[in-house]
Structures are given as structure tokens and as C-alpha cells.
C-alpha atoms as a PDB file:
ATOM      1  CA  MET A   1     -54.058 -13.406 166.053  1.00  0.00           C
ATOM      2  CA  LEU A   2     -54.021 -11.847 162.580  1.00  0.00           C
ATOM      3  CA  SER A   3     -51.880  -8.977 163.850  1.00  0.00           C
ATOM      4  CA  SER A   4     -49.436 -11.479 165.305  1.00  0.00           C
ATOM      5  CA  ILE A   5     -49.216 -13.342 161.982  1.00  0.00           C
ATOM      6  CA  LEU A   6     -48.677 -10.095 160.072  1.00  0.00           C
ATOM      7  CA  ALA A   7     -46.020  -8.903 162.528  1.00  0.00           C
ATOM      8  CA  LYS A   8     -44.084 -12.180 162.264  1.00  0.00           C
ATOM      9  CA  THR A   9     -44.387 -12.080 158.472  1.00  0.00           C
ATOM     10  CA  ALA A  10     -43.140  -8.494 158.327  1.00  0.00           C
ATOM     11  CA  ILE A  11     -40.124  -9.404 160.460  1.00  0.00           C
ATOM     12  CA  ASN A  12     -39.189 -12.472 158.407  1.00  0.00           C
ATOM     13  CA  ILE A  13     -39.945 -11.190 154.913  1.00  0.00           C
ATOM     14  CA  ILE A  14     -37.160 -10.443 152.478  1.00  0.00           C
ATOM     15  CA  ASP A  15     -38.305  -7.634 150.205  1.00  0.00           C
ATOM     16  CA  VAL A  16     -35.980  -7.953 147.226  1.00  0.00           C
ATOM     17  CA  SER A  17     -37.689  -5.195 145.256  1.00  0.00           C
ATOM     18  CA  ALA A  18     -37.101  -2.645 148.032  1.00  0.00           C
ATOM     19  CA  ALA A  19     -33.403  -3.448 148.396  1.00  0.00           C
ATOM     20  CA  ASP A  20     -32.367  -1.443 145.343  1.00  0.00           C
ATOM     21  CA  SER A  21     -34.642   1.484 146.090  1.00  0.00           C
ATOM     22  CA  GLN A  22     -33.088   1.995 149.520  1.00  0.00           C
ATOM     23  CA  GLY A  23     -29.653   2.587 148.048  1.00  0.00           C
ATOM     24  CA  MET A  24     -27.886   0.075 150.238  1.00  0.00           C
ATOM     25  CA  GLU A  25     -24.143   0.059 150.492  1.00  0.00           C
ATOM     26  CA  GLN A  26     -22.087  -3.030 149.657  1.00  0.00           C
ATOM     27  CA  HIS A  27     -21.363  -3.774 153.328  1.00  0.00           C
ATOM     28  CA  GLU A  28     -25.119  -3.604 154.086  1.00  0.00           C
ATOM     29  CA  TYR A  29     -25.760  -6.217 151.393  1.00  0.00           C
ATOM     30  CA  MET A  30     -23.041  -8.382 152.887  1.00  0.00           C
ATOM     31  CA  ASP A  31     -24.448  -7.976 156.413  1.00  0.00           C
ATOM     32  CA  ARG A  32     -27.914  -8.987 155.260  1.00  0.00           C
ATOM     33  CA  ALA A  33     -26.565 -11.922 153.287  1.00  0.00           C
ATOM     34  CA  ARG A  34     -24.678 -13.087 156.387  1.00  0.00           C
ATOM     35  CA  GLN A  35     -27.822 -12.650 158.502  1.00  0.00           C
ATOM     36  CA  TYR A  36     -29.960 -14.655 156.052  1.00  0.00           C
ATOM     37  CA  SER A  37     -27.310 -17.372 155.858  1.00  0.00           C
ATOM     38  CA  THR A  38     -27.283 -17.611 159.650  1.00  0.00           C
ATOM     39  CA  ARG A  39     -31.070 -17.915 159.735  1.00  0.00           C
ATOM     40  CA  LEU A  40     -31.023 -20.617 157.067  1.00  0.00           C
ATOM     41  CA  ALA A  41     -28.320 -22.521 158.933  1.00  0.00           C
ATOM     42  CA  MET A  42     -30.358 -22.412 162.146  1.00  0.00           C
ATOM     43  CA  LEU A  43     -33.452 -23.644 160.327  1.00  0.00           C
ATOM     44  CA  SER A  44     -31.557 -26.430 158.584  1.00  0.00           C
ATOM     45  CA  ASN A  45     -30.047 -27.515 161.918  1.00  0.00           C
ATOM     46  CA  ASN A  46     -33.563 -27.789 163.320  1.00  0.00           C
ATOM     47  CA  LEU A  47     -34.595 -29.918 160.349  1.00  0.00           C
ATOM     48  CA  THR A  48     -31.617 -32.245 160.657  1.00  0.00           C
ATOM     49  CA  HIS A  49     -32.426 -32.685 164.363  1.00  0.00           C
ATOM     50  CA  TRP A  50     -35.720 -34.308 163.355  1.00  0.00           C
ATOM     51  CA  LYS A  51     -34.014 -36.521 160.802  1.00  0.00           C
ATOM     52  CA  LYS A  52     -31.653 -37.896 163.468  1.00  0.00           C
ATOM     53  CA  LEU A  53     -34.468 -39.383 165.537  1.00  0.00           C
ATOM     54  CA  PRO A  54     -34.419 -43.183 165.642  1.00  0.00           C
ATOM     55  CA  LEU A  55     -36.786 -44.971 163.319  1.00  0.00           C
ATOM     56  CA  LEU A  56     -39.640 -47.014 164.681  1.00  0.00           C
ATOM     57  CA  PRO A  57     -38.775 -50.687 165.019  1.00  0.00           C
ATOM     58  CA  SER A  58     -39.991 -52.943 162.251  1.00  0.00           C
ATOM     59  CA  LEU A  59     -42.201 -55.715 163.587  1.00  0.00           C
ATOM     60  CA  THR A  60     -41.921 -57.829 160.447  1.00  0.00           C
ATOM     61  CA  ASN A  61     -38.252 -58.732 161.006  1.00  0.00           C
ATOM     62  CA  GLN A  62     -39.066 -60.981 163.979  1.00  0.00           C
ATOM     63  CA  PRO A  63     -42.748 -61.932 163.831  1.00  0.00           C
ATOM     64  CA  HIS A  64     -42.336 -64.736 166.402  1.00  0.00           C
ATOM     65  CA  GLN A  65     -41.590 -62.122 169.105  1.00  0.00           C
ATOM     66  CA  VAL A  66     -44.687 -60.166 168.185  1.00  0.00           C
ATOM     67  CA  LEU A  67     -46.872 -63.256 168.175  1.00  0.00           C
ATOM     68  CA  ALA A  68     -45.403 -64.500 171.465  1.00  0.00           C
ATOM     69  CA  SER A  69     -45.864 -61.195 173.297  1.00  0.00           C
ATOM     70  CA  ASP A  70     -48.808 -60.520 175.584  1.00  0.00           C
ATOM     71  CA  PRO A  71     -51.898 -59.150 173.847  1.00  0.00           C
ATOM     72  CA  VAL A  72     -52.890 -55.535 174.359  1.00  0.00           C
ATOM     73  CA  PRO A  73     -55.498 -55.329 177.120  1.00  0.00           C
ATOM     74  CA  PHE A  74     -59.029 -54.709 175.871  1.00  0.00           C
ATOM     75  CA  ALA A  75     -59.422 -51.743 178.245  1.00  0.00           C
ATOM     76  CA  ASP A  76     -56.439 -50.053 176.552  1.00  0.00           C
ATOM     77  CA  LEU A  77     -57.976 -50.612 173.128  1.00  0.00           C
ATOM     78  CA  GLN A  78     -61.262 -49.134 174.347  1.00  0.00           C
ATOM     79  CA  GLN A  79     -59.477 -46.107 175.780  1.00  0.00           C
ATOM     80  CA  VAL A  80     -57.578 -45.462 172.547  1.00  0.00           C
ATOM     81  CA  SER A  81     -60.798 -45.821 170.547  1.00  0.00           C
ATOM     82  CA  ARG A  82     -62.633 -43.436 172.897  1.00  0.00           C
ATOM     83  CA  ILE A  83     -59.852 -40.829 172.729  1.00  0.00           C
ATOM     84  CA  ALA A  84     -59.752 -41.094 168.918  1.00  0.00           C
ATOM     85  CA  ALA A  85     -63.529 -40.597 168.784  1.00  0.00           C
ATOM     86  CA  TYR A  86     -63.262 -37.515 171.032  1.00  0.00           C
ATOM     87  CA  ALA A  87     -60.473 -36.103 168.874  1.00  0.00           C
ATOM     88  CA  PHE A  88     -62.476 -36.723 165.689  1.00  0.00           C
ATOM     89  CA  SER A  89     -65.526 -35.058 167.231  1.00  0.00           C
ATOM     90  CA  ALA A  90     -63.483 -32.047 168.353  1.00  0.00           C
ATOM     91  CA  LEU A  91     -61.809 -31.647 164.965  1.00  0.00           C
ATOM     92  CA  SER A  92     -65.100 -31.924 163.100  1.00  0.00           C
ATOM     93  CA  GLN A  93     -66.526 -29.065 165.179  1.00  0.00           C
ATOM     94  CA  ILE A  94     -63.767 -26.601 164.276  1.00  0.00           C
ATOM     95  CA  HIS A  95     -65.021 -23.905 161.941  1.00  0.00           C
ATOM     96  CA  VAL A  96     -63.101 -20.906 160.610  1.00  0.00           C
ATOM     97  CA  ASP A  97     -65.041 -17.699 160.162  1.00  0.00           C
ATOM     98  CA  ALA A  98     -63.128 -15.489 157.734  1.00  0.00           C
ATOM     99  CA  LYS A  99     -63.451 -11.948 159.077  1.00  0.00           C
ATOM    100  CA  GLU A 100     -60.881 -10.263 156.839  1.00  0.00           C
ATOM    101  CA  GLU A 101     -58.272 -11.075 154.241  1.00  0.00           C
ATOM    102  CA  LEU A 102     -55.164 -12.914 155.462  1.00  0.00           C
ATOM    103  CA  VAL A 103     -53.118 -11.975 152.409  1.00  0.00           C
ATOM    104  CA  VAL A 104     -52.458  -8.272 152.145  1.00  0.00           C
ATOM    105  CA  GLN A 105     -50.235  -6.168 149.923  1.00  0.00           C
ATOM    106  CA  PHE A 106     -47.110  -4.787 151.611  1.00  0.00           C
ATOM    107  CA  GLY A 107     -46.863  -1.364 149.997  1.00  0.00           C
ATOM    108  CA  ILE A 108     -46.056  -2.657 146.520  1.00  0.00           C
ATOM    109  CA  PRO A 109     -46.168   0.259 144.075  1.00  0.00           C
END
């Protein structure tokens, strides 16, 4: 899993300090700038997709409809409570054993 994280990080990292040392041509700078702009645009489109989702309805605008609706069955409440207890139990049993450092230096002189 650590190797996967490091590989993804290495692919997506922008090493500004190494750009000058490689002696890049002007068109290479422009190509990279275009590539980074495309990536940012894709990421921002993904973020705006989440913002376009409809908001949850507000129950306080029409309380008479809420009060007049059928009550939630007790069996459903018990099931939700049981599932929440299972989830809490599962989450409380998760432990991370640090085997090695997650943050490493990427050949910085």
C-alpha cells in the first residue's frame, strides 16, 4: 500500500526546484503549464459536480406535514441503532501499526 501511495505521489508531484536544473525549453514549460491547467480544470469540474447536488429538504418550513406524517417504525429505529453500534465497534477496533516512515525525501540535495 505504501508503494502505491509513493507511486501516485511521484506521478502527481510538481518538483519546481528540479525544473530549472533540467534545462527545459520554453515550449516544454508551456506544455507542462497546459498539462497542469488541464488537471486543475478536471479537478475543479469534479468539485463543482458535488456542489450541484440538491440540498436536503428543510423540515422546519412546513412542520404540519412532518407532524402529520406516519411515525418511523420502531423496528427501523432499532436496525439503525444496531448498525450504528456495529460501525462504532468496527471503527474503534482499527489500529494503525507504523512500520516505516510515510514521508520520505525525494532526492532533495
